[in-house]
């Protein structure tokens, strides 16, 4: 199995190469961050701040020809895959994945004022005390068959 991050490469070229090396009847699966979908945090935040924290990070960290949006589904069809199953998902991260959680938190806090950051940390401390804190990151997932 090989892992390549579709948002960091030429997505169309990557998919075409995957199809080229797959036997007829073989299946190709792709998971990409969904920068066009909102994240989800389980924090007791006021509505305005929660909306700001969970807003999609469109284009953040995506190469010019990369794919981190729903265009994944169209691209799977365009390279000739059939029976494409499309299923957006949320991947939840809690304290057991501290590095990923720190990255997601940093992305959430990057556009907040100092007052909003303090509110975030207070809400996080409350959620951690209740053992309910997590951040869910959206992904686009698709599996198709080479004819």
N, C-alpha and C. Protein backbone atom coordinates (compact mmCIF):
# COMPACT_ATOMS: atom_id res chain seq x y z
N UNK A 1 0.84 -1.17 0.00
CA UNK A 1 0.00 0.00 0.00
C UNK A 1 0.89 1.23 0.00
N UNK A 2 0.47 2.22 -0.75
CA UNK A 2 1.20 3.47 -0.85
C UNK A 2 0.31 4.61 -0.37
N UNK A 3 0.91 5.58 0.29
CA UNK A 3 0.14 6.74 0.75
C UNK A 3 0.73 8.00 0.13
N UNK A 4 -0.10 8.72 -0.58
CA UNK A 4 0.27 10.01 -1.14
C UNK A 4 -0.83 10.98 -0.76
N UNK A 5 -0.46 12.19 -0.42
CA UNK A 5 -1.44 13.18 0.00
C UNK A 5 -1.93 13.93 -1.23
N UNK A 6 -3.18 13.69 -1.60
CA UNK A 6 -3.75 14.23 -2.84
C UNK A 6 -3.83 15.76 -2.84
N UNK A 7 -3.80 16.36 -1.68
CA UNK A 7 -3.85 17.82 -1.65
C UNK A 7 -2.49 18.46 -1.89
N UNK A 8 -1.43 17.66 -1.88
CA UNK A 8 -0.08 18.19 -2.04
C UNK A 8 0.53 17.92 -3.41
N UNK A 9 -0.22 17.25 -4.27
CA UNK A 9 0.30 16.89 -5.60
C UNK A 9 -0.69 17.33 -6.68
N UNK A 10 -0.37 17.05 -7.92
CA UNK A 10 -1.31 17.26 -9.01
C UNK A 10 -2.35 16.14 -8.90
N UNK A 11 -3.52 16.45 -8.38
CA UNK A 11 -4.54 15.45 -8.07
C UNK A 11 -4.98 14.67 -9.30
N UNK A 12 -5.18 15.34 -10.42
CA UNK A 12 -5.63 14.64 -11.62
C UNK A 12 -4.56 13.67 -12.12
N UNK A 13 -3.31 14.09 -12.07
CA UNK A 13 -2.21 13.22 -12.49
C UNK A 13 -2.09 12.02 -11.55
N UNK A 14 -2.24 12.26 -10.27
CA UNK A 14 -2.17 11.18 -9.29
C UNK A 14 -3.26 10.14 -9.53
N UNK A 15 -4.48 10.61 -9.74
CA UNK A 15 -5.59 9.68 -9.97
C UNK A 15 -5.39 8.90 -11.27
N UNK A 16 -4.92 9.57 -12.31
CA UNK A 16 -4.67 8.90 -13.58
C UNK A 16 -3.62 7.81 -13.41
N UNK A 17 -2.59 8.08 -12.64
CA UNK A 17 -1.54 7.08 -12.40
C UNK A 17 -2.08 5.91 -11.58
N UNK A 18 -2.93 6.20 -10.62
CA UNK A 18 -3.54 5.13 -9.83
C UNK A 18 -4.37 4.22 -10.74
N UNK A 19 -5.11 4.81 -11.65
CA UNK A 19 -5.91 4.01 -12.59
C UNK A 19 -4.99 3.20 -13.49
N UNK A 20 -3.92 3.81 -13.96
CA UNK A 20 -2.99 3.13 -14.88
C UNK A 20 -2.42 1.86 -14.25
N UNK A 21 -2.06 1.91 -12.99
CA UNK A 21 -1.39 0.76 -12.36
C UNK A 21 -2.36 -0.23 -11.71
N UNK A 22 -3.63 0.05 -11.78
CA UNK A 22 -4.63 -0.84 -11.19
C UNK A 22 -5.16 -1.81 -12.25
N UNK A 23 -5.30 -3.06 -11.89
CA UNK A 23 -5.84 -4.06 -12.81
C UNK A 23 -7.32 -3.80 -13.07
N UNK A 24 -7.82 -4.19 -14.24
CA UNK A 24 -9.26 -4.08 -14.48
C UNK A 24 -10.03 -4.82 -13.38
N UNK A 25 -11.08 -4.18 -12.90
CA UNK A 25 -11.86 -4.73 -11.80
C UNK A 25 -11.31 -4.35 -10.44
N UNK A 26 -10.11 -3.77 -10.42
CA UNK A 26 -9.50 -3.33 -9.16
C UNK A 26 -10.17 -2.07 -8.63
N UNK A 27 -10.03 -1.87 -7.35
CA UNK A 27 -10.68 -0.71 -6.72
C UNK A 27 -9.64 0.29 -6.24
N UNK A 28 -10.01 1.54 -6.34
CA UNK A 28 -9.15 2.65 -5.91
C UNK A 28 -9.91 3.45 -4.87
N UNK A 29 -9.28 3.66 -3.74
CA UNK A 29 -9.89 4.46 -2.67
C UNK A 29 -9.05 5.68 -2.37
N UNK A 30 -9.71 6.79 -2.13
CA UNK A 30 -9.02 8.05 -1.84
C UNK A 30 -9.72 8.75 -0.69
N UNK A 31 -8.91 9.28 0.22
CA UNK A 31 -9.42 10.10 1.31
C UNK A 31 -8.66 11.43 1.25
N UNK A 32 -9.39 12.54 1.29
CA UNK A 32 -8.77 13.86 1.24
C UNK A 32 -9.40 14.74 2.32
N UNK A 33 -8.58 15.61 2.89
CA UNK A 33 -9.16 16.58 3.82
C UNK A 33 -10.24 17.36 3.09
N UNK A 34 -11.30 17.71 3.79
CA UNK A 34 -12.40 18.46 3.19
C UNK A 34 -12.32 19.91 3.67
N UNK A 35 -11.52 20.69 2.98
CA UNK A 35 -11.33 22.09 3.37
C UNK A 35 -12.56 22.94 3.02
N UNK A 36 -13.53 22.34 2.33
CA UNK A 36 -14.75 23.04 1.96
C UNK A 36 -15.91 22.71 2.90
N UNK A 37 -15.65 21.94 3.94
CA UNK A 37 -16.69 21.56 4.90
C UNK A 37 -16.29 22.05 6.29
N UNK A 38 -17.28 22.36 7.13
CA UNK A 38 -16.94 22.83 8.47
C UNK A 38 -16.42 21.71 9.36
N UNK A 39 -15.53 22.07 10.26
CA UNK A 39 -15.07 21.15 11.30
C UNK A 39 -16.15 21.10 12.37
N UNK A 40 -15.91 20.32 13.40
CA UNK A 40 -16.86 20.25 14.51
C UNK A 40 -16.06 20.20 15.80
N UNK A 41 -16.41 21.07 16.73
CA UNK A 41 -15.78 21.04 18.05
C UNK A 41 -16.85 20.77 19.09
N UNK A 42 -16.50 20.03 20.09
CA UNK A 42 -17.44 19.75 21.17
C UNK A 42 -17.07 20.62 22.36
N UNK A 43 -17.24 21.91 22.18
CA UNK A 43 -16.92 22.88 23.23
C UNK A 43 -18.13 23.76 23.51
N UNK A 44 -18.31 24.13 24.77
CA UNK A 44 -19.40 25.04 25.11
C UNK A 44 -19.03 26.49 24.78
N UNK A 45 -19.14 26.85 23.50
CA UNK A 45 -18.81 28.19 23.03
C UNK A 45 -20.09 28.92 22.65
N UNK A 46 -20.04 30.25 22.71
CA UNK A 46 -21.18 31.02 22.23
C UNK A 46 -21.31 30.81 20.73
N UNK A 47 -22.51 30.99 20.21
CA UNK A 47 -22.84 30.65 18.82
C UNK A 47 -21.91 31.32 17.82
N UNK A 48 -21.63 32.61 17.99
CA UNK A 48 -20.80 33.34 17.03
C UNK A 48 -19.37 32.79 16.99
N UNK A 49 -18.82 32.50 18.16
CA UNK A 49 -17.46 31.99 18.22
C UNK A 49 -17.40 30.56 17.68
N UNK A 50 -18.40 29.75 18.01
CA UNK A 50 -18.43 28.38 17.50
C UNK A 50 -18.45 28.38 15.97
N UNK A 51 -19.25 29.26 15.37
CA UNK A 51 -19.32 29.35 13.91
C UNK A 51 -17.96 29.76 13.33
N UNK A 52 -17.29 30.66 13.99
CA UNK A 52 -15.98 31.13 13.52
C UNK A 52 -14.94 30.02 13.61
N UNK A 53 -14.96 29.28 14.71
CA UNK A 53 -14.00 28.20 14.95
C UNK A 53 -14.22 27.04 13.98
N UNK A 54 -15.48 26.76 13.65
CA UNK A 54 -15.80 25.61 12.81
C UNK A 54 -15.87 25.93 11.32
N UNK A 55 -15.66 27.18 10.94
CA UNK A 55 -15.76 27.58 9.53
C UNK A 55 -14.76 26.82 8.67
N UNK A 56 -15.14 26.48 7.44
CA UNK A 56 -14.21 25.79 6.54
C UNK A 56 -12.95 26.63 6.30
N UNK A 57 -11.82 25.94 6.19
CA UNK A 57 -10.53 26.60 5.96
C UNK A 57 -10.17 26.47 4.49
N UNK A 58 -11.03 26.96 3.62
CA UNK A 58 -10.89 26.77 2.16
C UNK A 58 -9.49 27.14 1.69
N UNK A 59 -8.85 26.17 1.04
CA UNK A 59 -7.54 26.39 0.43
C UNK A 59 -6.35 26.32 1.36
N UNK A 60 -6.54 26.25 2.65
CA UNK A 60 -5.42 26.26 3.60
C UNK A 60 -4.52 25.06 3.41
N UNK A 61 -3.27 25.30 3.04
CA UNK A 61 -2.29 24.24 2.92
C UNK A 61 -2.47 23.31 1.73
N UNK A 62 -3.20 23.76 0.70
CA UNK A 62 -3.46 22.90 -0.46
C UNK A 62 -2.64 23.42 -1.65
N UNK A 63 -1.92 22.50 -2.31
CA UNK A 63 -1.13 22.87 -3.49
C UNK A 63 -2.04 23.36 -4.60
N UNK A 64 -1.47 24.11 -5.52
CA UNK A 64 -2.25 24.70 -6.62
C UNK A 64 -3.09 23.67 -7.37
N UNK A 65 -2.55 22.48 -7.62
CA UNK A 65 -3.27 21.45 -8.36
C UNK A 65 -3.76 20.32 -7.45
N UNK A 66 -3.66 20.56 -6.15
CA UNK A 66 -4.10 19.55 -5.19
C UNK A 66 -5.61 19.51 -5.06
N UNK A 67 -6.09 18.56 -4.28
CA UNK A 67 -7.53 18.39 -4.09
C UNK A 67 -7.83 18.20 -2.61
N UNK A 68 -8.60 19.10 -2.05
CA UNK A 68 -9.05 19.00 -0.67
C UNK A 68 -10.49 19.49 -0.58
N UNK A 69 -11.29 19.08 -1.58
CA UNK A 69 -12.69 19.51 -1.62
C UNK A 69 -13.52 18.47 -2.34
N UNK A 70 -14.79 18.76 -2.54
CA UNK A 70 -15.72 17.81 -3.15
C UNK A 70 -15.43 17.56 -4.62
N UNK A 71 -14.50 18.28 -5.22
CA UNK A 71 -14.14 17.98 -6.61
C UNK A 71 -13.53 16.58 -6.73
N UNK A 72 -13.16 15.98 -5.59
CA UNK A 72 -12.65 14.61 -5.61
C UNK A 72 -13.61 13.68 -6.31
N UNK A 73 -14.90 13.83 -6.06
CA UNK A 73 -15.90 12.93 -6.63
C UNK A 73 -15.97 13.05 -8.16
N UNK A 74 -15.96 14.28 -8.64
CA UNK A 74 -15.96 14.52 -10.09
C UNK A 74 -14.69 13.96 -10.70
N UNK A 75 -13.57 14.18 -10.07
CA UNK A 75 -12.28 13.72 -10.58
C UNK A 75 -12.24 12.20 -10.70
N UNK A 76 -12.83 11.50 -9.73
CA UNK A 76 -12.86 10.03 -9.76
C UNK A 76 -13.60 9.55 -11.02
N UNK A 77 -14.70 10.22 -11.34
CA UNK A 77 -15.46 9.86 -12.55
C UNK A 77 -14.68 10.23 -13.81
N UNK A 78 -14.02 11.38 -13.79
CA UNK A 78 -13.31 11.86 -14.98
C UNK A 78 -12.15 10.96 -15.39
N UNK A 79 -11.56 10.24 -14.45
CA UNK A 79 -10.46 9.33 -14.81
C UNK A 79 -10.97 7.97 -15.24
N UNK A 80 -12.29 7.83 -15.32
CA UNK A 80 -12.87 6.62 -15.87
C UNK A 80 -13.30 5.57 -14.86
N UNK A 81 -13.24 5.89 -13.58
CA UNK A 81 -13.68 4.92 -12.58
C UNK A 81 -15.20 4.77 -12.61
N UNK A 82 -15.66 3.58 -12.34
CA UNK A 82 -17.10 3.31 -12.32
C UNK A 82 -17.52 2.93 -10.90
N UNK A 83 -18.82 2.86 -10.71
CA UNK A 83 -19.39 2.50 -9.40
C UNK A 83 -18.72 3.28 -8.26
N UNK A 84 -18.54 4.56 -8.49
CA UNK A 84 -17.87 5.40 -7.49
C UNK A 84 -18.81 5.62 -6.31
N UNK A 85 -18.35 5.25 -5.15
CA UNK A 85 -19.08 5.49 -3.90
C UNK A 85 -18.46 6.71 -3.25
N UNK A 86 -19.31 7.67 -2.88
CA UNK A 86 -18.84 8.93 -2.32
C UNK A 86 -19.40 9.07 -0.90
N UNK A 87 -18.52 9.33 0.05
CA UNK A 87 -19.01 9.42 1.43
C UNK A 87 -18.15 10.36 2.26
N UNK A 88 -18.60 11.60 2.42
CA UNK A 88 -17.91 12.51 3.33
C UNK A 88 -17.96 11.95 4.75
N UNK A 89 -16.89 12.18 5.51
CA UNK A 89 -16.79 11.64 6.86
C UNK A 89 -16.18 12.68 7.80
N UNK A 90 -16.41 12.48 9.09
CA UNK A 90 -15.74 13.26 10.12
C UNK A 90 -14.80 12.32 10.88
N UNK A 91 -13.57 12.75 11.07
CA UNK A 91 -12.61 12.00 11.88
C UNK A 91 -12.45 12.77 13.19
N UNK A 92 -12.82 12.16 14.29
CA UNK A 92 -12.77 12.82 15.59
C UNK A 92 -11.43 12.57 16.28
N UNK A 93 -10.86 13.63 16.84
CA UNK A 93 -9.59 13.55 17.54
C UNK A 93 -9.76 14.10 18.95
N UNK A 94 -9.26 13.34 19.92
CA UNK A 94 -9.32 13.79 21.31
C UNK A 94 -7.90 13.78 21.87
N UNK A 95 -7.76 13.73 23.16
CA UNK A 95 -6.45 13.78 23.80
C UNK A 95 -5.53 12.62 23.47
N UNK A 96 -6.05 11.54 22.89
CA UNK A 96 -5.20 10.39 22.56
C UNK A 96 -4.36 10.65 21.31
N UNK A 97 -4.64 11.72 20.58
CA UNK A 97 -3.85 12.11 19.41
C UNK A 97 -3.37 13.55 19.60
N UNK A 98 -2.46 13.79 20.55
CA UNK A 98 -2.11 15.17 20.91
C UNK A 98 -1.53 16.00 19.77
N UNK A 99 -0.74 15.40 18.88
CA UNK A 99 -0.14 16.19 17.81
C UNK A 99 -1.19 16.64 16.79
N UNK A 100 -2.09 15.74 16.42
CA UNK A 100 -3.15 16.11 15.47
C UNK A 100 -4.08 17.12 16.12
N UNK A 101 -4.42 16.87 17.36
CA UNK A 101 -5.32 17.78 18.08
C UNK A 101 -4.71 19.17 18.19
N UNK A 102 -3.41 19.25 18.45
CA UNK A 102 -2.72 20.54 18.54
C UNK A 102 -2.77 21.26 17.20
N UNK A 103 -2.55 20.53 16.10
CA UNK A 103 -2.62 21.12 14.76
C UNK A 103 -4.01 21.67 14.48
N UNK A 104 -5.04 20.87 14.76
CA UNK A 104 -6.42 21.31 14.52
C UNK A 104 -6.76 22.52 15.40
N UNK A 105 -6.32 22.48 16.64
CA UNK A 105 -6.57 23.61 17.54
C UNK A 105 -5.87 24.87 17.03
N UNK A 106 -4.63 24.75 16.60
CA UNK A 106 -3.90 25.91 16.09
C UNK A 106 -4.60 26.51 14.87
N UNK A 107 -5.14 25.65 14.00
CA UNK A 107 -5.89 26.14 12.85
C UNK A 107 -7.13 26.91 13.31
N UNK A 108 -7.79 26.40 14.33
CA UNK A 108 -9.00 27.05 14.85
C UNK A 108 -8.69 28.39 15.49
N UNK A 109 -7.56 28.47 16.20
CA UNK A 109 -7.22 29.68 16.96
C UNK A 109 -6.57 30.77 16.11
N UNK A 110 -6.09 30.42 14.93
CA UNK A 110 -5.30 31.35 14.12
C UNK A 110 -6.03 32.65 13.81
N UNK A 111 -7.33 32.62 13.64
CA UNK A 111 -8.07 33.82 13.24
C UNK A 111 -8.91 34.42 14.37
N UNK A 112 -8.57 34.07 15.61
CA UNK A 112 -9.34 34.57 16.74
C UNK A 112 -8.63 35.72 17.43
N UNK A 113 -9.40 36.57 18.06
CA UNK A 113 -8.83 37.64 18.87
C UNK A 113 -8.30 37.03 20.17
N UNK A 114 -7.55 37.79 20.92
CA UNK A 114 -7.03 37.31 22.21
C UNK A 114 -8.17 36.95 23.16
N UNK A 115 -9.22 37.74 23.16
CA UNK A 115 -10.38 37.45 24.01
C UNK A 115 -11.05 36.14 23.59
N UNK A 116 -11.17 35.92 22.28
CA UNK A 116 -11.77 34.68 21.78
C UNK A 116 -10.90 33.47 22.10
N UNK A 117 -9.58 33.64 22.04
CA UNK A 117 -8.67 32.55 22.39
C UNK A 117 -8.83 32.20 23.87
N UNK A 118 -8.95 33.19 24.71
CA UNK A 118 -9.18 32.92 26.15
C UNK A 118 -10.49 32.17 26.35
N UNK A 119 -11.54 32.57 25.62
CA UNK A 119 -12.83 31.87 25.72
C UNK A 119 -12.68 30.42 25.26
N UNK A 120 -11.94 30.21 24.18
CA UNK A 120 -11.69 28.85 23.68
C UNK A 120 -11.03 28.00 24.77
N UNK A 121 -9.94 28.54 25.36
CA UNK A 121 -9.20 27.77 26.37
C UNK A 121 -10.06 27.48 27.61
N UNK A 122 -10.90 28.41 27.99
CA UNK A 122 -11.80 28.18 29.12
C UNK A 122 -12.78 27.06 28.78
N UNK A 123 -13.34 27.12 27.58
CA UNK A 123 -14.29 26.08 27.14
C UNK A 123 -13.60 24.73 27.01
N UNK A 124 -12.37 24.73 26.51
CA UNK A 124 -11.63 23.47 26.39
C UNK A 124 -11.37 22.87 27.77
N UNK A 125 -10.96 23.70 28.72
CA UNK A 125 -10.71 23.20 30.08
C UNK A 125 -11.99 22.59 30.67
N UNK A 126 -13.12 23.23 30.43
CA UNK A 126 -14.39 22.71 30.93
C UNK A 126 -14.71 21.36 30.27
N UNK A 127 -14.55 21.28 28.95
CA UNK A 127 -14.83 20.03 28.23
C UNK A 127 -13.87 18.93 28.65
N UNK A 128 -12.60 19.28 28.86
CA UNK A 128 -11.64 18.26 29.30
C UNK A 128 -11.98 17.76 30.70
N UNK A 129 -12.43 18.66 31.57
CA UNK A 129 -12.82 18.25 32.93
C UNK A 129 -14.01 17.29 32.88
N UNK A 130 -14.88 17.48 31.88
CA UNK A 130 -16.04 16.60 31.70
C UNK A 130 -15.71 15.39 30.83
N UNK A 131 -14.47 15.32 30.33
CA UNK A 131 -14.01 14.26 29.44
C UNK A 131 -14.86 14.17 28.17
N UNK A 132 -15.21 15.35 27.60
CA UNK A 132 -16.03 15.39 26.39
C UNK A 132 -15.37 16.16 25.25
N UNK A 133 -14.12 16.58 25.42
CA UNK A 133 -13.46 17.41 24.40
C UNK A 133 -13.01 16.59 23.20
N UNK A 134 -13.38 17.06 22.01
CA UNK A 134 -12.83 16.54 20.76
C UNK A 134 -13.00 17.59 19.67
N UNK A 135 -12.22 17.42 18.61
CA UNK A 135 -12.37 18.19 17.38
C UNK A 135 -12.54 17.16 16.27
N UNK A 136 -13.55 17.35 15.43
CA UNK A 136 -13.77 16.44 14.31
C UNK A 136 -13.41 17.16 13.01
N UNK A 137 -12.56 16.54 12.25
CA UNK A 137 -12.07 17.10 10.99
C UNK A 137 -12.77 16.42 9.82
N UNK A 138 -13.34 17.19 8.87
CA UNK A 138 -14.05 16.58 7.75
C UNK A 138 -13.12 16.07 6.66
N UNK A 139 -13.54 15.00 6.02
CA UNK A 139 -12.79 14.40 4.90
C UNK A 139 -13.77 13.98 3.79
N UNK A 140 -13.29 14.06 2.57
CA UNK A 140 -14.02 13.49 1.43
C UNK A 140 -13.41 12.12 1.15
N UNK A 141 -14.25 11.13 1.00
CA UNK A 141 -13.81 9.77 0.75
C UNK A 141 -14.52 9.23 -0.48
N UNK A 142 -13.81 8.47 -1.29
CA UNK A 142 -14.42 7.87 -2.47
C UNK A 142 -13.70 6.58 -2.83
N UNK A 143 -14.46 5.63 -3.33
CA UNK A 143 -13.91 4.36 -3.83
C UNK A 143 -14.55 4.11 -5.18
N UNK A 144 -13.73 3.80 -6.17
CA UNK A 144 -14.23 3.50 -7.51
C UNK A 144 -13.56 2.27 -8.07
N UNK A 145 -14.17 1.72 -9.12
CA UNK A 145 -13.68 0.49 -9.75
C UNK A 145 -13.14 0.81 -11.14
N UNK A 146 -11.99 0.22 -11.48
CA UNK A 146 -11.46 0.38 -12.83
C UNK A 146 -12.19 -0.61 -13.73
N UNK A 147 -12.77 -0.11 -14.82
CA UNK A 147 -13.50 -1.03 -15.72
C UNK A 147 -12.58 -2.06 -16.37
